[in-house]
């Protein structure tokens, strides 16, 4: 009787080890978050700020009336092609 309990316990522990190993490798291959060092963080922050400034500059130069006119022309051309 004691041997049966020991075998069942060993099987349960073996299955548990397999499940934990599968979870470990799954988490290792697909991390939920990424940890950056300080240098990389500051470089990313600078890049984001530069992109933000570029977009703000483009938005200031963007003319809605010209865009609407170009859109209407392209729609008219598409309708003529049909």
C-alpha atoms as a PDB file:
ATOM      1  CA  UNK A   1       0.000   0.000   0.000  1.00  0.00           C
ATOM      2  CA  UNK A   2       2.820   2.380   0.872  1.00  0.00           C
ATOM      3  CA  UNK A   3       4.490   1.684  -2.468  1.00  0.00           C
ATOM      4  CA  UNK A   4       1.315   2.639  -4.367  1.00  0.00           C
ATOM      5  CA  UNK A   5       1.099   5.960  -2.525  1.00  0.00           C
ATOM      6  CA  UNK A   6       4.778   6.581  -3.226  1.00  0.00           C
ATOM      7  CA  UNK A   7       4.325   5.848  -6.951  1.00  0.00           C
ATOM      8  CA  UNK A   8       1.261   8.101  -7.170  1.00  0.00           C
ATOM      9  CA  UNK A   9       3.149  10.860  -5.384  1.00  0.00           C
ATOM     10  CA  UNK A  10       6.106  10.498  -7.763  1.00  0.00           C
ATOM     11  CA  UNK A  11       3.809  10.609 -10.807  1.00  0.00           C
ATOM     12  CA  UNK A  12       2.072  13.724  -9.491  1.00  0.00           C
ATOM     13  CA  UNK A  13       5.409  15.409  -8.821  1.00  0.00           C
ATOM     14  CA  UNK A  14       6.691  14.446 -12.276  1.00  0.00           C
ATOM     15  CA  UNK A  15       3.589  15.913 -13.957  1.00  0.00           C
ATOM     16  CA  UNK A  16       3.940  19.042 -11.831  1.00  0.00           C
ATOM     17  CA  UNK A  17       7.564  19.467 -12.923  1.00  0.00           C
ATOM     18  CA  UNK A  18       6.553  19.111 -16.585  1.00  0.00           C
ATOM     19  CA  UNK A  19       3.771  21.695 -16.218  1.00  0.00           C
ATOM     20  CA  UNK A  20       6.069  24.147 -14.418  1.00  0.00           C
ATOM     21  CA  UNK A  21       8.773  23.696 -17.063  1.00  0.00           C
ATOM     22  CA  UNK A  22       6.241  24.341 -19.826  1.00  0.00           C
ATOM     23  CA  UNK A  23       5.052  27.506 -18.066  1.00  0.00           C
ATOM     24  CA  UNK A  24       8.635  28.670 -17.554  1.00  0.00           C
ATOM     25  CA  UNK A  25       9.601  28.244 -21.211  1.00  0.00           C
ATOM     26  CA  UNK A  26       6.346  29.815 -22.350  1.00  0.00           C
ATOM     27  CA  UNK A  27       6.954  32.889 -20.190  1.00  0.00           C
ATOM     28  CA  UNK A  28      10.581  33.046 -21.280  1.00  0.00           C
ATOM     29  CA  UNK A  29       9.675  33.042 -24.992  1.00  0.00           C
ATOM     30  CA  UNK A  30       6.777  35.505 -24.673  1.00  0.00           C
ATOM     31  CA  UNK A  31       7.494  38.018 -21.912  1.00  0.00           C
ATOM     32  CA  UNK A  32       4.644  40.265 -20.863  1.00  0.00           C
ATOM     33  CA  UNK A  33       6.954  43.176 -20.222  1.00  0.00           C
ATOM     34  CA  UNK A  34      10.387  44.352 -21.234  1.00  0.00           C
ATOM     35  CA  UNK A  35      12.895  45.830 -18.822  1.00  0.00           C
ATOM     36  CA  UNK A  36      15.130  48.546 -20.263  1.00  0.00           C
ATOM     37  CA  UNK A  37      18.261  49.983 -18.758  1.00  0.00           C
ATOM     38  CA  UNK A  38      18.431  53.710 -18.054  1.00  0.00           C
ATOM     39  CA  UNK A  39      20.381  54.542 -21.220  1.00  0.00           C
ATOM     40  CA  UNK A  40      17.833  52.820 -23.434  1.00  0.00           C
ATOM     41  CA  UNK A  41      14.961  54.472 -21.560  1.00  0.00           C
ATOM     42  CA  UNK A  42      16.411  57.948 -22.080  1.00  0.00           C
ATOM     43  CA  UNK A  43      17.103  57.210 -25.758  1.00  0.00           C
ATOM     44  CA  UNK A  44      13.517  56.051 -26.233  1.00  0.00           C
ATOM     45  CA  UNK A  45      12.185  59.119 -24.417  1.00  0.00           C
ATOM     46  CA  UNK A  46      14.283  61.417 -26.636  1.00  0.00           C
ATOM     47  CA  UNK A  47      13.033  59.616 -29.743  1.00  0.00           C
ATOM     48  CA  UNK A  48       9.411  59.902 -28.642  1.00  0.00           C
ATOM     49  CA  UNK A  49       9.826  63.598 -27.883  1.00  0.00           C
ATOM     50  CA  UNK A  50      11.465  64.183 -31.294  1.00  0.00           C
ATOM     51  CA  UNK A  51       8.648  62.352 -33.051  1.00  0.00           C
ATOM     52  CA  UNK A  52       6.084  64.361 -31.092  1.00  0.00           C
ATOM     53  CA  UNK A  53       7.738  67.635 -32.090  1.00  0.00           C
ATOM     54  CA  UNK A  54       7.885  66.526 -35.748  1.00  0.00           C
ATOM     55  CA  UNK A  55       4.207  65.624 -35.740  1.00  0.00           C
ATOM     56  CA  UNK A  56       3.249  68.900 -34.096  1.00  0.00           C
ATOM     57  CA  UNK A  57       5.248  70.763 -36.765  1.00  0.00           C
ATOM     58  CA  UNK A  58       3.527  68.825 -39.541  1.00  0.00           C
ATOM     59  CA  UNK A  59       0.125  69.518 -38.018  1.00  0.00           C
ATOM     60  CA  UNK A  60       0.856  73.232 -37.973  1.00  0.00           C
ATOM     61  CA  UNK A  61       1.752  73.087 -41.676  1.00  0.00           C
ATOM     62  CA  UNK A  62      -1.221  70.887 -42.587  1.00  0.00           C
ATOM     63  CA  UNK A  63      -3.845  72.753 -44.614  1.00  0.00           C
ATOM     64  CA  UNK A  64      -7.295  71.222 -44.312  1.00  0.00           C
ATOM     65  CA  UNK A  65      -8.686  73.112 -47.303  1.00  0.00           C
ATOM     66  CA  UNK A  66      -5.968  71.800 -49.638  1.00  0.00           C
ATOM     67  CA  UNK A  67      -6.515  68.303 -48.309  1.00  0.00           C
ATOM     68  CA  UNK A  68     -10.296  68.543 -48.864  1.00  0.00           C
ATOM     69  CA  UNK A  69      -9.733  69.851 -52.382  1.00  0.00           C
ATOM     70  CA  UNK A  70      -7.321  67.036 -53.230  1.00  0.00           C
ATOM     71  CA  UNK A  71      -9.748  64.509 -51.751  1.00  0.00           C
ATOM     72  CA  UNK A  72     -12.653  65.845 -53.798  1.00  0.00           C
ATOM     73  CA  UNK A  73     -10.533  65.757 -56.951  1.00  0.00           C
ATOM     74  CA  UNK A  74      -9.481  62.167 -56.336  1.00  0.00           C
ATOM     75  CA  UNK A  75     -13.106  61.148 -55.647  1.00  0.00           C
ATOM     76  CA  UNK A  76     -14.254  62.884 -58.843  1.00  0.00           C
ATOM     77  CA  UNK A  77     -11.517  61.116 -60.791  1.00  0.00           C
ATOM     78  CA  UNK A  78     -12.512  57.745 -59.344  1.00  0.00           C
ATOM     79  CA  UNK A  79     -16.162  58.386 -60.228  1.00  0.00           C
ATOM     80  CA  UNK A  80     -15.173  59.329 -63.810  1.00  0.00           C
ATOM     81  CA  UNK A  81     -13.149  56.119 -64.094  1.00  0.00           C
ATOM     82  CA  UNK A  82     -16.204  54.060 -63.165  1.00  0.00           C
END
